[in-house]
Structures are given as C-alpha cells and as structure tokens.
C-alpha cells in the first residue's frame, strides 16, 4: 500500500467523530474537541498503522517523547523516523504546532511495537485501510 494513500486515509479519519470516540483516549479527546485540532490524540494509533502497512521495522523506527525528567511536557507523543535517512514522519504534529508548541524530536527515544494494538486495529479498519 502506498504511503501517501495511507496518510490521506488516516487524515480523513481524524475528522470523523465516531472514529475519534472509538480510537482517542478520553483526556486527548477532550483536548481534540476543545482545540478543534482533529489529529489530537491519534499519534500512537496513526504511527502504528503507518508502521505496519508501510515496511515495519525494515523501514521505520517508532519514536516516543514523554514527560520523563520534565524535558517535554506535552504528554507522550509518538511518531516515526525513516531508518534510511532519519526523516521524521509525524502526521499528527499539528496538534502541537497549531498551539505554538515546538516538538523537540531530538529528545525522543526509539520504542518497539509488539502485538498490534486495539487502537491501531480499529483506526486501520475504520479508515478503510483494512485489517492489520
């Protein structure tokens, strides 16, 4: 499946209320609705869907920012880094940038994915990308 298609389908899904309610945790859903930034709360599920449908560990490193040591106070945030050239793919970055928050990607750490998460499975299915 083409990366551009996956991203387009996910971005469309961010705008659909029932998908938000099924995939996004309640604390992030409240911020999503309060700010009107539809990607808010989708970072983990969206990153996992892209990872699993476009090359997995051969192509991507899953990266995480967390508020450990108070280096980043934006809550836990997930995105992908392309292994071949270290390019960042963060399709939910606007949940921060639209609020004037700079994402300190350089502070992130790699993390692994074991089994397919329920949220990623739901997001893939509801966005028309099929089963993970």
N, C-alpha and C. Protein backbone atom coordinates (compact mmCIF):
# COMPACT_ATOMS: atom_id res chain seq x y z
N UNK A 1 0.86 -1.18 0.00
CA UNK A 1 0.00 0.00 0.00
C UNK A 1 0.90 1.24 0.00
N UNK A 2 0.55 2.22 -0.81
CA UNK A 2 1.34 3.44 -0.92
C UNK A 2 1.23 4.30 0.34
N UNK A 3 2.36 4.84 0.77
CA UNK A 3 2.42 5.66 1.97
C UNK A 3 1.48 6.87 1.86
N UNK A 4 1.45 7.52 0.72
CA UNK A 4 0.60 8.71 0.55
C UNK A 4 -0.88 8.36 0.73
N UNK A 5 -1.28 7.21 0.24
CA UNK A 5 -2.67 6.77 0.39
C UNK A 5 -2.99 6.51 1.86
N UNK A 6 -2.09 5.83 2.55
CA UNK A 6 -2.29 5.53 3.97
C UNK A 6 -2.47 6.84 4.75
N UNK A 7 -1.58 7.78 4.51
CA UNK A 7 -1.64 9.07 5.21
C UNK A 7 -2.94 9.79 4.90
N UNK A 8 -3.35 9.83 3.64
CA UNK A 8 -4.59 10.51 3.25
C UNK A 8 -5.79 9.89 3.95
N UNK A 9 -5.85 8.57 4.00
CA UNK A 9 -6.98 7.89 4.64
C UNK A 9 -7.01 8.19 6.14
N UNK A 10 -5.85 8.20 6.76
CA UNK A 10 -5.79 8.49 8.19
C UNK A 10 -6.22 9.93 8.47
N UNK A 11 -5.72 10.85 7.65
CA UNK A 11 -6.08 12.25 7.87
C UNK A 11 -7.58 12.48 7.69
N UNK A 12 -8.21 11.80 6.76
CA UNK A 12 -9.67 11.88 6.62
C UNK A 12 -10.35 11.34 7.88
N UNK A 13 -9.82 10.24 8.41
CA UNK A 13 -10.41 9.60 9.59
C UNK A 13 -10.35 10.51 10.81
N UNK A 14 -9.31 11.34 10.91
CA UNK A 14 -9.18 12.24 12.06
C UNK A 14 -10.39 13.17 12.20
N UNK A 15 -11.08 13.45 11.09
CA UNK A 15 -12.20 14.38 11.09
C UNK A 15 -13.54 13.75 11.45
N UNK A 16 -13.59 12.44 11.59
CA UNK A 16 -14.86 11.73 11.77
C UNK A 16 -15.10 11.46 13.25
N UNK A 17 -16.20 12.00 13.76
CA UNK A 17 -16.47 11.96 15.19
C UNK A 17 -16.51 10.54 15.78
N UNK A 18 -17.19 9.61 15.13
CA UNK A 18 -17.28 8.27 15.73
C UNK A 18 -15.91 7.58 15.76
N UNK A 19 -15.04 7.89 14.81
CA UNK A 19 -13.68 7.32 14.84
C UNK A 19 -12.91 7.92 16.00
N UNK A 20 -13.03 9.24 16.18
CA UNK A 20 -12.38 9.88 17.33
C UNK A 20 -12.81 9.21 18.63
N UNK A 21 -14.11 9.03 18.77
CA UNK A 21 -14.64 8.49 20.02
C UNK A 21 -14.22 7.05 20.27
N UNK A 22 -13.97 6.29 19.21
CA UNK A 22 -13.56 4.90 19.38
C UNK A 22 -12.05 4.74 19.56
N UNK A 23 -11.26 5.66 19.03
CA UNK A 23 -9.81 5.47 19.00
C UNK A 23 -9.08 6.33 20.02
N UNK A 24 -9.52 7.54 20.26
CA UNK A 24 -8.79 8.50 21.08
C UNK A 24 -9.16 8.37 22.55
N UNK A 25 -8.15 8.33 23.43
CA UNK A 25 -8.39 8.29 24.88
C UNK A 25 -9.14 9.55 25.31
N UNK A 26 -9.92 9.42 26.36
CA UNK A 26 -10.83 10.49 26.78
C UNK A 26 -10.13 11.82 27.07
N UNK A 27 -8.96 11.79 27.70
CA UNK A 27 -8.27 13.05 28.00
C UNK A 27 -7.83 13.77 26.72
N UNK A 28 -7.35 13.01 25.73
CA UNK A 28 -6.95 13.61 24.46
C UNK A 28 -8.18 13.99 23.63
N UNK A 29 -9.26 13.24 23.75
CA UNK A 29 -10.49 13.56 23.03
C UNK A 29 -11.02 14.92 23.49
N UNK A 30 -10.93 15.18 24.78
CA UNK A 30 -11.37 16.48 25.31
C UNK A 30 -10.53 17.62 24.71
N UNK A 31 -9.22 17.42 24.61
CA UNK A 31 -8.35 18.44 24.02
C UNK A 31 -8.65 18.57 22.53
N UNK A 32 -8.90 17.45 21.86
CA UNK A 32 -9.25 17.44 20.44
C UNK A 32 -10.47 18.33 20.21
N UNK A 33 -11.50 18.13 21.00
CA UNK A 33 -12.74 18.88 20.83
C UNK A 33 -12.57 20.34 21.25
N UNK A 34 -11.81 20.57 22.31
CA UNK A 34 -11.60 21.94 22.81
C UNK A 34 -10.81 22.78 21.81
N UNK A 35 -9.78 22.21 21.21
CA UNK A 35 -8.92 22.97 20.30
C UNK A 35 -9.43 22.95 18.87
N UNK A 36 -10.23 21.95 18.51
CA UNK A 36 -10.65 21.80 17.12
C UNK A 36 -9.56 21.27 16.22
N UNK A 37 -8.50 20.75 16.81
CA UNK A 37 -7.39 20.17 16.03
C UNK A 37 -7.64 18.67 15.97
N UNK A 38 -8.12 18.21 14.84
CA UNK A 38 -8.64 16.86 14.72
C UNK A 38 -7.62 15.74 14.85
N UNK A 39 -6.35 16.02 14.69
CA UNK A 39 -5.34 14.97 14.82
C UNK A 39 -4.97 14.68 16.28
N UNK A 40 -5.42 15.53 17.18
CA UNK A 40 -5.06 15.39 18.59
C UNK A 40 -5.49 14.04 19.13
N UNK A 41 -4.53 13.33 19.71
CA UNK A 41 -4.79 12.05 20.35
C UNK A 41 -4.61 10.84 19.45
N UNK A 42 -4.34 11.06 18.18
CA UNK A 42 -4.20 9.94 17.24
C UNK A 42 -2.73 9.51 17.04
N UNK A 43 -1.78 10.12 17.70
CA UNK A 43 -0.37 9.91 17.34
C UNK A 43 0.07 8.45 17.42
N UNK A 44 -0.28 7.76 18.49
CA UNK A 44 0.18 6.37 18.62
C UNK A 44 -0.48 5.48 17.58
N UNK A 45 -1.80 5.52 17.50
CA UNK A 45 -2.52 4.64 16.58
C UNK A 45 -2.12 4.92 15.13
N UNK A 46 -2.04 6.20 14.75
CA UNK A 46 -1.68 6.55 13.38
C UNK A 46 -0.25 6.10 13.05
N UNK A 47 0.66 6.32 13.97
CA UNK A 47 2.04 5.88 13.75
C UNK A 47 2.12 4.37 13.60
N UNK A 48 1.39 3.66 14.42
CA UNK A 48 1.41 2.20 14.32
C UNK A 48 0.80 1.72 13.01
N UNK A 49 -0.28 2.31 12.57
CA UNK A 49 -0.90 1.91 11.31
C UNK A 49 0.09 2.12 10.16
N UNK A 50 0.70 3.29 10.10
CA UNK A 50 1.68 3.56 9.04
C UNK A 50 2.83 2.56 9.12
N UNK A 51 3.36 2.36 10.31
CA UNK A 51 4.47 1.42 10.53
C UNK A 51 4.12 0.04 9.98
N UNK A 52 2.97 -0.46 10.35
CA UNK A 52 2.60 -1.84 9.98
C UNK A 52 2.23 -1.98 8.50
N UNK A 53 1.74 -0.92 7.87
CA UNK A 53 1.32 -1.02 6.47
C UNK A 53 2.38 -0.55 5.47
N UNK A 54 3.49 -0.02 5.96
CA UNK A 54 4.48 0.52 5.02
C UNK A 54 5.92 0.15 5.35
N UNK A 55 6.15 -1.08 5.72
CA UNK A 55 7.52 -1.55 5.84
C UNK A 55 7.96 -1.98 7.22
N UNK A 56 7.22 -1.61 8.25
CA UNK A 56 7.56 -2.05 9.60
C UNK A 56 8.98 -1.71 10.00
N UNK A 57 9.60 -2.62 10.73
CA UNK A 57 10.94 -2.36 11.28
C UNK A 57 12.03 -2.30 10.21
N UNK A 58 11.73 -2.75 9.00
CA UNK A 58 12.70 -2.62 7.91
C UNK A 58 12.81 -1.17 7.45
N UNK A 59 11.74 -0.41 7.64
CA UNK A 59 11.67 0.96 7.13
C UNK A 59 11.71 2.01 8.23
N UNK A 60 11.06 1.73 9.35
CA UNK A 60 10.81 2.75 10.37
C UNK A 60 11.36 2.39 11.75
N UNK A 61 11.65 3.45 12.52
CA UNK A 61 11.84 3.35 13.95
C UNK A 61 10.68 4.12 14.58
N UNK A 62 9.98 3.49 15.51
CA UNK A 62 8.92 4.18 16.25
C UNK A 62 9.62 5.00 17.33
N UNK A 63 9.28 6.27 17.39
CA UNK A 63 9.91 7.18 18.36
C UNK A 63 8.87 7.71 19.32
N UNK A 64 9.32 7.99 20.55
CA UNK A 64 8.41 8.46 21.60
C UNK A 64 9.04 9.61 22.36
N UNK A 65 8.24 10.61 22.62
CA UNK A 65 8.60 11.68 23.54
C UNK A 65 7.72 11.51 24.77
N UNK A 66 8.29 11.63 25.94
CA UNK A 66 7.46 11.56 27.15
C UNK A 66 7.93 12.63 28.11
N UNK A 67 7.15 12.85 29.16
CA UNK A 67 7.48 13.91 30.11
C UNK A 67 8.42 13.45 31.22
N UNK A 68 9.08 12.33 31.00
CA UNK A 68 10.06 11.86 31.98
C UNK A 68 11.16 12.92 32.09
N UNK A 69 11.57 13.21 33.29
CA UNK A 69 12.61 14.21 33.59
C UNK A 69 12.20 15.63 33.20
N UNK A 70 10.91 15.83 32.93
CA UNK A 70 10.39 17.16 32.59
C UNK A 70 11.07 17.81 31.39
N UNK A 71 11.60 17.01 30.48
CA UNK A 71 12.22 17.55 29.28
C UNK A 71 11.18 17.93 28.24
N UNK A 72 10.02 17.30 28.32
CA UNK A 72 8.92 17.53 27.36
C UNK A 72 7.64 17.44 28.16
N UNK A 73 6.87 18.50 28.18
CA UNK A 73 5.66 18.49 28.99
C UNK A 73 4.39 18.41 28.15
N UNK A 74 4.50 17.93 26.93
CA UNK A 74 3.34 17.87 26.05
C UNK A 74 2.59 16.56 26.10
N UNK A 75 2.87 15.73 27.10
CA UNK A 75 2.27 14.40 27.14
C UNK A 75 3.06 13.46 26.25
N UNK A 76 2.78 12.20 26.31
CA UNK A 76 3.51 11.24 25.48
C UNK A 76 3.10 11.43 24.02
N UNK A 77 4.09 11.49 23.14
CA UNK A 77 3.84 11.72 21.72
C UNK A 77 4.65 10.72 20.91
N UNK A 78 4.00 10.11 19.92
CA UNK A 78 4.63 9.10 19.06
C UNK A 78 4.69 9.60 17.62
N UNK A 79 5.74 9.18 16.93
CA UNK A 79 5.92 9.48 15.52
C UNK A 79 6.90 8.46 14.96
N UNK A 80 7.20 8.57 13.67
CA UNK A 80 8.10 7.63 13.02
C UNK A 80 9.33 8.34 12.49
N UNK A 81 10.43 7.58 12.45
CA UNK A 81 11.66 8.07 11.84
C UNK A 81 12.10 7.04 10.80
N UNK A 82 12.31 7.50 9.57
CA UNK A 82 12.72 6.60 8.49
C UNK A 82 14.16 6.17 8.74
N UNK A 83 14.40 4.88 8.73
CA UNK A 83 15.73 4.34 9.03
C UNK A 83 16.78 4.78 8.01
N UNK A 84 16.40 4.85 6.75
CA UNK A 84 17.39 5.12 5.70
C UNK A 84 17.99 6.51 5.76
N UNK A 85 17.21 7.51 6.20
CA UNK A 85 17.72 8.89 6.16
C UNK A 85 17.36 9.73 7.38
N UNK A 86 16.77 9.11 8.40
CA UNK A 86 16.39 9.79 9.65
C UNK A 86 15.29 10.83 9.47
N UNK A 87 14.58 10.79 8.34
CA UNK A 87 13.46 11.71 8.10
C UNK A 87 12.34 11.41 9.09
N UNK A 88 11.77 12.48 9.66
CA UNK A 88 10.66 12.37 10.61
C UNK A 88 9.35 12.33 9.84
N UNK A 89 8.49 11.39 10.20
CA UNK A 89 7.12 11.35 9.69
C UNK A 89 6.20 11.45 10.89
N UNK A 90 5.56 12.59 11.01
CA UNK A 90 4.69 12.87 12.15
C UNK A 90 3.41 13.51 11.63
N UNK A 91 2.43 12.66 11.29
CA UNK A 91 1.21 13.19 10.67
C UNK A 91 0.26 13.84 11.68
N UNK A 92 0.62 13.80 12.94
CA UNK A 92 -0.21 14.48 13.95
C UNK A 92 0.54 15.64 14.61
N UNK A 93 1.60 16.11 14.00
CA UNK A 93 2.39 17.20 14.59
C UNK A 93 1.57 18.47 14.79
N UNK A 94 0.54 18.68 13.95
CA UNK A 94 -0.24 19.91 14.07
C UNK A 94 -0.98 20.03 15.39
N UNK A 95 -1.17 18.92 16.12
CA UNK A 95 -1.82 19.02 17.42
C UNK A 95 -0.98 19.86 18.38
N UNK A 96 0.30 19.98 18.10
CA UNK A 96 1.20 20.84 18.89
C UNK A 96 1.50 22.15 18.17
N UNK A 97 1.91 22.05 16.90
CA UNK A 97 2.35 23.25 16.18
C UNK A 97 1.24 24.29 16.04
N UNK A 98 0.00 23.86 15.88
CA UNK A 98 -1.11 24.82 15.80
C UNK A 98 -1.37 25.52 17.13
N UNK A 99 -0.81 24.98 18.20
CA UNK A 99 -0.93 25.63 19.51
C UNK A 99 0.37 26.34 19.89
N UNK A 100 1.28 26.47 18.91
CA UNK A 100 2.53 27.19 19.15
C UNK A 100 3.57 26.41 19.92
N UNK A 101 3.45 25.10 19.96
CA UNK A 101 4.39 24.24 20.70
C UNK A 101 5.36 23.60 19.71
N UNK A 102 6.63 23.78 19.96
CA UNK A 102 7.67 23.14 19.15
C UNK A 102 7.92 21.73 19.68
N UNK A 103 7.93 20.78 18.80
CA UNK A 103 8.15 19.38 19.20
C UNK A 103 9.66 19.11 19.21
N UNK A 104 10.22 18.76 20.37
CA UNK A 104 11.67 18.52 20.46
C UNK A 104 12.03 17.08 20.03
N UNK A 105 11.97 16.83 18.73
CA UNK A 105 12.21 15.48 18.21
C UNK A 105 13.55 14.92 18.68
N UNK A 106 14.52 15.80 18.86
CA UNK A 106 15.86 15.34 19.27
C UNK A 106 15.88 14.70 20.66
N UNK A 107 14.85 14.91 21.45
CA UNK A 107 14.78 14.32 22.79
C UNK A 107 14.07 12.96 22.79
N UNK A 108 13.59 12.54 21.64
CA UNK A 108 12.81 11.30 21.57
C UNK A 108 13.69 10.07 21.72
N UNK A 109 13.04 8.98 22.04
CA UNK A 109 13.72 7.69 22.16
C UNK A 109 12.98 6.68 21.30
N UNK A 110 13.72 5.73 20.76
CA UNK A 110 13.11 4.66 20.00
C UNK A 110 12.35 3.72 20.92
N UNK A 111 11.28 3.18 20.41
CA UNK A 111 10.50 2.22 21.17
C UNK A 111 10.02 1.13 20.23
N UNK A 112 9.73 -0.02 20.75
CA UNK A 112 9.29 -1.12 19.91
C UNK A 112 7.78 -1.29 19.94
N UNK A 113 7.30 -2.05 19.00
CA UNK A 113 5.89 -2.44 18.97
C UNK A 113 5.84 -3.96 19.00
N UNK A 114 5.06 -4.50 19.89
CA UNK A 114 4.93 -5.96 19.96
C UNK A 114 3.73 -6.39 19.14
N UNK A 115 2.65 -6.70 19.79
CA UNK A 115 1.45 -7.11 19.06
C UNK A 115 0.70 -5.87 18.58
N UNK A 116 -0.18 -6.07 17.64
CA UNK A 116 -0.97 -4.97 17.10
C UNK A 116 -1.90 -4.45 18.19
N UNK A 117 -1.90 -3.15 18.39
CA UNK A 117 -2.76 -2.57 19.43
C UNK A 117 -4.21 -2.52 18.95
N UNK A 118 -5.10 -2.51 19.92
CA UNK A 118 -6.54 -2.42 19.62
C UNK A 118 -6.85 -1.11 18.89
N UNK A 119 -6.23 -0.03 19.34
CA UNK A 119 -6.49 1.28 18.74
C UNK A 119 -6.02 1.34 17.29
N UNK A 120 -4.86 0.79 17.00
CA UNK A 120 -4.36 0.78 15.62
C UNK A 120 -5.24 -0.11 14.74
N UNK A 121 -5.63 -1.24 15.27
CA UNK A 121 -6.51 -2.15 14.53
C UNK A 121 -7.83 -1.45 14.17
N UNK A 122 -8.41 -0.75 15.15
CA UNK A 122 -9.66 -0.01 14.93
C UNK A 122 -9.46 1.11 13.91
N UNK A 123 -8.39 1.89 14.08
CA UNK A 123 -8.16 3.01 13.19
C UNK A 123 -7.96 2.54 11.75
N UNK A 124 -7.19 1.49 11.55
CA UNK A 124 -6.97 0.97 10.20
C UNK A 124 -8.29 0.53 9.57
N UNK A 125 -9.07 -0.20 10.32
CA UNK A 125 -10.34 -0.70 9.80
C UNK A 125 -11.33 0.43 9.50
N UNK A 126 -11.49 1.35 10.46
CA UNK A 126 -12.46 2.43 10.31
C UNK A 126 -12.06 3.45 9.26
N UNK A 127 -10.77 3.54 8.97
CA UNK A 127 -10.31 4.50 7.95
C UNK A 127 -10.24 3.88 6.56
N UNK A 128 -10.68 2.61 6.44
CA UNK A 128 -10.73 1.97 5.14
C UNK A 128 -9.43 1.36 4.69
N UNK A 129 -8.50 1.14 5.61
CA UNK A 129 -7.20 0.58 5.27
C UNK A 129 -7.15 -0.93 5.48
N UNK A 130 -8.23 -1.50 5.98
CA UNK A 130 -8.30 -2.95 6.14
C UNK A 130 -7.80 -3.42 7.49
N UNK A 131 -7.55 -4.71 7.56
CA UNK A 131 -7.12 -5.34 8.80
C UNK A 131 -5.60 -5.27 8.94
N UNK A 132 -5.15 -5.08 10.18
CA UNK A 132 -3.71 -5.12 10.47
C UNK A 132 -3.32 -6.51 10.90
